[in-house]
């Protein structure tokens, strides 16, 4: 189906742009944003995804304040106008590509937002991310990330919260490729060897003079399958920071991190040490649709013009017990070489991870 983007010389396959070059049902194209005021009092996460081979698109807004997470979900049928990124009353406007965007949600289920993103440094193109289960590809994605500031407002049940760039910072990414989306697929033959878990650390951090973007993944035995750590400067220079050595501190009796110590190596061989603390955690699999979220999953068809609002009491046993089985985003406060920065501290130690002392799915920190 020919659409507006086909007027531009951007084709990568002998197809209209709105047709994915693969028939894999799990093809997706998604943006993610987070925003906070550096205090740990509020954390807002939002995003929108397109799933051409499922015929769907969706968006979400997730806000944590105090002991609750509140999510708004929106879904609809996909269309061919990719220049108009919209799901119901939610939209993303590209004001200046790779630098300035506007994220708007008209009042939906009591929540509204109108926020403008300004990148503080150039975007960072991350290494391709590939995962397999036996011979089958389960994830094959490309992503770019950026740190920046926010301006505008958020309205929650009639309370308007001013968002100013002197206080409100955040990170964003856009990713596309293959990852599990939509309704569950038939299981087929069980994995051999069986899936025992994964260890994940993702940290885009904003300092005054530079940004650091770190993304690591390890198998249960500690073998690192993804290692990408770069520092980007205002003039666009990108410095590789080697093979980071990571120590995660967990709250006793949980798998929720309180902080991390990351030892990196700069381009001249000098140590670069990051110390990061969690100011507020938000579980992506409790309302945001990622991973093992049983309530709402990206790409699932919910009918035309779908909206809903769900609020989670994080102190209730049934919700608290889910925390260790997915990826958790944290408002992160970081120090590096005497400088103080803020950003995303995203971590998950799911299942077995020998270096962390987690011997199975249920081992907790001492």
Protein backbone atom coordinates (compact mmCIF):
# COMPACT_ATOMS: atom_id res chain seq x y z
CA UNK A 1 0.00 0.00 0.00
CA UNK A 2 1.68 3.21 -1.17
CA UNK A 3 1.78 5.99 1.48
CA UNK A 4 3.27 9.46 2.06
CA UNK A 5 6.75 8.14 2.88
CA UNK A 6 7.03 6.64 -0.60
CA UNK A 7 7.49 10.18 -1.96
CA UNK A 8 10.97 10.18 -0.36
CA UNK A 9 14.13 8.31 -1.50
CA UNK A 10 14.28 6.14 1.63
CA UNK A 11 13.36 2.67 0.33
CA UNK A 12 15.41 -0.26 1.60
CA UNK A 13 13.51 -3.01 -0.19
CA UNK A 14 11.51 -3.45 -3.41
CA UNK A 15 8.29 -2.71 -1.49
CA UNK A 16 6.22 0.27 -0.41
CA UNK A 17 7.55 1.61 2.90
CA UNK A 18 4.44 0.54 4.82
CA UNK A 19 5.14 -3.12 3.97
CA UNK A 20 7.78 -4.75 6.16
CA UNK A 21 10.63 -6.42 4.27
CA UNK A 22 10.07 -9.55 6.36
CA UNK A 23 6.95 -11.64 6.82
CA UNK A 24 7.88 -12.37 10.46
CA UNK A 25 4.80 -11.63 12.57
CA UNK A 26 7.07 -10.19 15.27
CA UNK A 27 8.35 -7.26 13.20
CA UNK A 28 7.91 -4.02 15.16
CA UNK A 29 8.88 -0.32 15.16
CA UNK A 30 8.68 1.43 18.53
CA UNK A 31 9.64 4.59 20.40
CA UNK A 32 10.20 4.84 24.17
CA UNK A 33 10.53 7.91 26.42
CA UNK A 34 10.97 8.52 30.12
CA UNK A 35 10.81 11.71 32.16
CA UNK A 36 11.48 12.67 35.77
CA UNK A 37 12.34 15.72 37.87
CA UNK A 38 15.52 14.21 39.47
CA UNK A 39 13.84 13.87 42.89
CA UNK A 40 12.55 10.31 42.73
CA UNK A 41 9.04 11.57 43.53
CA UNK A 42 7.63 10.89 40.06
CA UNK A 43 8.66 8.82 37.06
CA UNK A 44 6.77 8.85 33.76
CA UNK A 45 7.40 6.28 31.02
CA UNK A 46 5.63 6.31 27.68
CA UNK A 47 5.90 4.87 24.20
CA UNK A 48 4.21 3.86 20.99
CA UNK A 49 4.63 0.86 18.70
CA UNK A 50 3.69 -0.22 15.18
CA UNK A 51 3.26 -3.90 14.22
CA UNK A 52 2.70 -4.05 10.42
CA UNK A 53 2.34 -7.83 10.17
CA UNK A 54 -0.22 -7.90 13.00
CA UNK A 55 -2.21 -4.93 11.65
CA UNK A 56 -2.04 -3.13 14.99
CA UNK A 57 -0.52 -0.10 16.69
CA UNK A 58 -0.58 0.90 20.35
CA UNK A 59 0.68 3.36 22.94
CA UNK A 60 0.97 3.59 26.69
CA UNK A 61 1.63 6.07 29.49
CA UNK A 62 2.84 4.77 32.86
CA UNK A 63 3.29 7.01 35.90
CA UNK A 64 4.65 6.09 39.31
CA UNK A 65 4.09 8.31 42.32
CA UNK A 66 4.38 6.96 45.84
CA UNK A 67 3.29 3.35 46.12
CA UNK A 68 1.23 3.13 42.93
CA UNK A 69 1.82 2.78 39.20
CA UNK A 70 -0.95 4.01 36.91
CA UNK A 71 -1.08 2.97 33.27
CA UNK A 72 -3.14 4.17 30.32
CA UNK A 73 -3.23 1.85 27.31
CA UNK A 74 -4.37 2.76 23.79
CA UNK A 75 -4.71 0.54 20.72
CA UNK A 76 -6.08 0.67 17.21
CA UNK A 77 -5.77 -0.69 13.69
CA UNK A 78 -2.61 0.30 11.85
CA UNK A 79 -2.80 2.73 8.93
CA UNK A 80 -0.43 3.68 6.10
CA UNK A 81 0.44 7.25 7.15
CA UNK A 82 3.62 6.74 9.16
CA UNK A 83 4.31 10.48 9.06
CA UNK A 84 1.31 10.95 11.36
CA UNK A 85 2.34 8.96 14.44
CA UNK A 86 -0.92 8.69 16.33
CA UNK A 87 -2.92 6.17 18.35
CA UNK A 88 -6.26 7.60 19.45
CA UNK A 89 -5.59 10.79 21.41
CA UNK A 90 -1.86 9.99 21.70
CA UNK A 91 0.64 11.32 19.17
CA UNK A 92 4.35 11.96 18.63
CA UNK A 93 5.33 14.95 16.49
CA UNK A 94 8.83 15.10 15.02
CA UNK A 95 9.71 18.81 15.24
CA UNK A 96 13.39 18.38 14.37
CA UNK A 97 14.54 14.84 13.54
CA UNK A 98 16.98 13.32 16.06
CA UNK A 99 16.77 16.45 18.22
CA UNK A 100 13.31 17.78 19.13
CA UNK A 101 9.97 15.95 19.47
CA UNK A 102 6.59 16.66 21.01
CA UNK A 103 4.65 13.94 22.84
CA UNK A 104 0.95 14.63 23.40
CA UNK A 105 -1.92 12.67 24.89
CA UNK A 106 -5.29 14.38 24.99
CA UNK A 107 -7.17 13.66 28.22
CA UNK A 108 -7.65 9.90 28.28
CA UNK A 109 -9.00 8.09 31.33
CA UNK A 110 -8.12 11.10 33.51
CA UNK A 111 -4.52 11.56 32.30
CA UNK A 112 -3.14 14.03 29.74
CA UNK A 113 0.29 15.24 28.72
CA UNK A 114 1.89 17.75 26.39
CA UNK A 115 5.66 17.52 26.60
CA UNK A 116 8.46 18.63 24.28
CA UNK A 117 11.74 16.71 24.17
CA UNK A 118 15.06 18.43 23.46
CA UNK A 119 18.14 16.24 22.96
CA UNK A 120 21.15 17.34 25.00
CA UNK A 121 23.65 15.39 22.89
CA UNK A 122 23.58 13.61 19.52
CA UNK A 123 21.81 10.26 19.37
CA UNK A 124 23.90 7.14 19.89
CA UNK A 125 23.47 4.25 17.48
CA UNK A 126 23.75 1.11 19.57
CA UNK A 127 25.17 -2.22 18.49
CA UNK A 128 22.67 -4.59 16.84
CA UNK A 129 20.94 -6.80 19.42
CA UNK A 130 20.38 -10.45 18.51
CA UNK A 131 19.02 -13.33 20.60
CA UNK A 132 18.37 -16.93 19.60
CA UNK A 133 16.56 -19.89 21.06
CA UNK A 134 18.39 -22.78 19.47
CA UNK A 135 18.44 -21.96 15.75
CA UNK A 136 15.44 -19.63 15.96
CA UNK A 137 15.88 -15.86 16.09
CA UNK A 138 13.78 -14.42 18.93
CA UNK A 139 15.15 -10.87 18.81
CA UNK A 140 17.00 -9.02 16.06
CA UNK A 141 16.78 -5.29 16.63
CA UNK A 142 18.49 -1.98 15.94
CA UNK A 143 18.17 0.97 18.30
CA UNK A 144 19.36 4.52 18.83
CA UNK A 145 19.29 6.30 22.18
CA UNK A 146 19.48 9.89 23.41
CA UNK A 147 19.47 11.83 26.67
CA UNK A 148 17.77 15.20 27.00
CA UNK A 149 15.38 17.55 28.79
CA UNK A 150 11.60 18.04 28.85
CA UNK A 151 9.24 21.03 28.92
CA UNK A 152 5.46 21.19 29.06
CA UNK A 153 2.93 19.69 31.48
CA UNK A 154 1.35 16.48 32.77
CA UNK A 155 -2.21 16.36 34.13
CA UNK A 156 -3.29 13.53 36.45
CA UNK A 157 -6.91 13.53 37.61
CA UNK A 158 -7.13 17.31 37.34
CA UNK A 159 -3.75 18.01 38.98
CA UNK A 160 -1.43 19.82 36.57
CA UNK A 161 2.31 19.19 36.99
CA UNK A 162 4.63 21.73 35.36
CA UNK A 163 7.49 20.20 33.39
CA UNK A 164 10.47 22.55 33.04
CA UNK A 165 13.83 21.79 31.38
CA UNK A 166 15.85 23.07 34.32
CA UNK A 167 14.52 20.14 36.39
CA UNK A 168 13.00 17.55 34.08
CA UNK A 169 15.37 15.22 32.27
CA UNK A 170 15.06 11.81 30.68
CA UNK A 171 16.13 9.39 28.00
CA UNK A 172 14.55 8.05 24.85
CA UNK A 173 15.15 5.40 22.24
CA UNK A 174 13.72 4.17 18.98
CA UNK A 175 14.09 0.53 18.03
CA UNK A 176 12.86 -1.66 15.21
CA UNK A 177 13.27 -5.24 14.04
CA UNK A 178 12.11 -8.58 15.44
CA UNK A 179 10.98 -9.23 19.01
CA UNK A 180 8.06 -11.16 20.53
CA UNK A 181 4.85 -9.11 20.13
CA UNK A 182 1.15 -9.75 19.89
CA UNK A 183 -0.71 -12.85 20.99
CA UNK A 184 1.38 -15.84 22.16
CA UNK A 185 2.65 -18.10 19.40
CA UNK A 186 2.28 -21.90 19.47
CA UNK A 187 5.07 -23.28 21.63
CA UNK A 188 6.43 -25.88 19.23
CA UNK A 189 9.31 -28.04 20.41
CA UNK A 190 10.64 -27.06 23.86
CA UNK A 191 13.92 -25.13 23.85
CA UNK A 192 17.03 -27.29 24.14
CA UNK A 193 18.72 -26.29 26.34
CA UNK A 194 15.77 -24.74 28.23
CA UNK A 195 15.71 -21.00 28.88
CA UNK A 196 17.17 -20.39 32.34
CA UNK A 197 17.07 -16.61 32.45
CA UNK A 198 19.01 -13.51 31.45
CA UNK A 199 20.91 -10.64 33.05
CA UNK A 200 20.43 -7.17 31.56
CA UNK A 201 21.78 -3.67 32.26
CA UNK A 202 20.90 -0.57 30.24
CA UNK A 203 22.05 2.91 31.31
CA UNK A 204 21.73 6.08 29.22
CA UNK A 205 23.05 8.78 31.58
CA UNK A 206 23.17 12.57 31.09
CA UNK A 207 25.98 14.69 32.50
CA UNK A 208 26.66 18.38 31.78
CA UNK A 209 29.51 17.74 29.34
CA UNK A 210 28.73 14.30 27.94
CA UNK A 211 26.35 11.36 27.89
CA UNK A 212 27.15 7.73 28.64
CA UNK A 213 25.10 4.95 27.02
CA UNK A 214 25.76 1.45 28.37
CA UNK A 215 23.99 -1.74 27.28
CA UNK A 216 25.04 -5.18 28.54
CA UNK A 217 23.50 -8.63 28.44
CA UNK A 218 24.76 -11.90 29.93
CA UNK A 219 23.76 -15.55 29.86
CA UNK A 220 23.07 -17.44 33.12
CA UNK A 221 26.74 -18.49 33.31
CA UNK A 222 27.87 -14.88 32.98
CA UNK A 223 28.95 -15.12 29.33
CA UNK A 224 28.40 -11.64 27.88
CA UNK A 225 26.42 -11.66 24.64
CA UNK A 226 26.10 -7.88 24.23
CA UNK A 227 28.70 -5.31 25.26
CA UNK A 228 28.28 -1.69 24.17
CA UNK A 229 29.41 1.28 26.25
CA UNK A 230 30.09 4.67 24.72
CA UNK A 231 30.49 8.27 25.82
CA UNK A 232 29.20 10.92 23.42
CA UNK A 233 30.36 14.54 23.58
CA UNK A 234 28.56 17.67 22.41
CA UNK A 235 30.62 17.85 19.21
CA UNK A 236 29.48 14.35 18.25
CA UNK A 237 32.65 12.47 19.23
CA UNK A 238 31.90 8.95 20.46
CA UNK A 239 34.38 7.35 22.83
CA UNK A 240 34.27 3.62 23.46
CA UNK A 241 34.52 2.71 27.14
CA UNK A 242 35.74 -0.85 26.80
CA UNK A 243 34.48 -3.89 28.69
CA UNK A 244 32.69 -2.59 31.81
CA UNK A 245 33.03 -4.50 35.08
CA UNK A 246 29.76 -4.27 37.00
CA UNK A 247 28.81 -4.74 40.65
CA UNK A 248 25.09 -4.49 41.42
CA UNK A 249 23.84 -3.88 44.97
CA UNK A 250 20.42 -5.40 45.74
CA UNK A 251 17.98 -4.74 48.55
CA UNK A 252 18.09 -7.71 50.91
CA UNK A 253 15.48 -10.37 50.16
CA UNK A 254 14.79 -9.01 46.66
CA UNK A 255 16.26 -8.67 43.22
CA UNK A 256 15.59 -4.93 43.16
CA UNK A 257 18.87 -3.01 42.79
CA UNK A 258 19.68 -0.06 45.01
CA UNK A 259 22.74 0.92 43.01
CA UNK A 260 25.60 -0.14 40.79
CA UNK A 261 29.34 0.39 40.44
CA UNK A 262 30.61 0.25 36.86
CA UNK A 263 34.34 0.32 36.08
CA UNK A 264 35.05 1.28 32.47
CA UNK A 265 38.17 2.16 30.47
CA UNK A 266 38.49 5.35 28.44
CA UNK A 267 40.01 5.66 24.98
CA UNK A 268 43.42 6.50 26.44
CA UNK A 269 43.34 3.55 28.82
CA UNK A 270 42.36 5.63 31.85
CA UNK A 271 39.73 4.31 34.30
CA UNK A 272 36.23 5.74 34.02
CA UNK A 273 34.16 4.84 37.09
CA UNK A 274 30.39 5.28 37.30
CA UNK A 275 28.46 5.04 40.55
CA UNK A 276 24.70 4.91 40.11
CA UNK A 277 21.92 4.85 42.72
CA UNK A 278 18.23 4.14 42.28
CA UNK A 279 15.89 6.96 43.31
CA UNK A 280 12.63 5.27 42.18
CA UNK A 281 11.92 1.92 40.45
CA UNK A 282 9.20 1.31 37.86
CA UNK A 283 8.59 -2.24 36.64
CA UNK A 284 8.11 -2.35 32.87
CA UNK A 285 6.20 -5.63 33.13
CA UNK A 286 3.59 -4.09 35.43
CA UNK A 287 1.49 -1.91 33.17
CA UNK A 288 3.92 -0.99 30.38
CA UNK A 289 3.46 -4.16 28.34
CA UNK A 290 7.05 -5.39 28.31
CA UNK A 291 8.30 -8.88 29.02
CA UNK A 292 6.06 -10.97 31.22
CA UNK A 293 3.29 -8.38 31.70
CA UNK A 294 0.12 -10.53 31.98
CA UNK A 295 -2.28 -7.58 31.79
CA UNK A 296 -1.33 -5.88 28.54
CA UNK A 297 1.19 -6.83 25.83
CA UNK A 298 2.43 -4.82 22.87
CA UNK A 299 0.77 -5.59 19.56
CA UNK A 300 -2.23 -7.49 20.94
CA UNK A 301 -5.45 -6.59 19.10
CA UNK A 302 -7.95 -5.08 21.56
CA UNK A 303 -10.40 -3.71 19.03
CA UNK A 304 -10.71 -0.30 17.34
CA UNK A 305 -10.25 2.82 19.46
CA UNK A 306 -9.27 0.84 22.55
CA UNK A 307 -8.42 2.67 25.80
CA UNK A 308 -8.17 1.56 29.41
CA UNK A 309 -6.66 2.70 32.70
CA UNK A 310 -5.14 0.34 35.26
CA UNK A 311 -3.69 1.27 38.67
CA UNK A 312 -1.36 -1.05 40.58
CA UNK A 313 -0.76 -1.02 44.33
CA UNK A 314 2.92 -1.92 44.49
CA UNK A 315 2.64 -2.93 48.14
CA UNK A 316 0.03 -5.60 47.47
CA UNK A 317 1.54 -9.12 47.61
CA UNK A 318 0.28 -10.15 44.16
CA UNK A 319 1.95 -7.13 42.52
CA UNK A 320 5.13 -7.06 44.65
CA UNK A 321 5.71 -10.73 43.87
CA UNK A 322 5.96 -9.97 40.15
CA UNK A 323 8.84 -7.50 40.46
CA UNK A 324 11.68 -10.03 40.12
CA UNK A 325 10.35 -11.58 36.91
CA UNK A 326 10.92 -8.66 34.56
CA UNK A 327 12.95 -5.59 33.68
CA UNK A 328 12.73 -2.64 36.08
CA UNK A 329 13.47 0.97 35.12
CA UNK A 330 14.86 3.27 37.80
CA UNK A 331 15.32 6.99 38.10
CA UNK A 332 19.11 6.93 38.27
CA UNK A 333 21.45 9.42 39.92
CA UNK A 334 25.05 8.94 38.78
CA UNK A 335 28.50 10.27 39.59
CA UNK A 336 31.50 10.03 37.26
CA UNK A 337 34.87 11.70 37.74
CA UNK A 338 33.31 14.16 40.18
CA UNK A 339 30.42 15.06 37.89
CA UNK A 340 26.79 14.37 38.81
CA UNK A 341 24.30 13.16 36.21
CA UNK A 342 20.86 11.59 35.91
CA UNK A 343 19.26 9.10 33.60
CA UNK A 344 17.86 5.63 33.24
CA UNK A 345 19.09 2.74 35.39
CA UNK A 346 17.38 -0.26 33.78
CA UNK A 347 18.15 -3.69 35.16
CA UNK A 348 16.82 -7.21 35.29
CA UNK A 349 18.36 -10.35 36.78
CA UNK A 350 15.79 -12.91 35.68
CA UNK A 351 16.29 -16.55 36.55
CA UNK A 352 19.75 -17.97 37.08
CA UNK A 353 22.83 -15.73 36.99
CA UNK A 354 25.94 -17.34 38.45
CA UNK A 355 28.06 -14.17 38.93
CA UNK A 356 25.25 -12.61 40.99
CA UNK A 357 24.76 -15.72 43.12
CA UNK A 358 21.25 -16.35 41.78
CA UNK A 359 21.14 -20.12 41.32
CA UNK A 360 17.57 -20.41 40.02
CA UNK A 361 14.41 -18.39 39.35
CA UNK A 362 13.64 -17.79 43.01
CA UNK A 363 17.00 -17.05 44.68
CA UNK A 364 17.02 -13.61 46.35
CA UNK A 365 19.79 -11.33 47.51
CA UNK A 366 21.01 -12.05 51.09
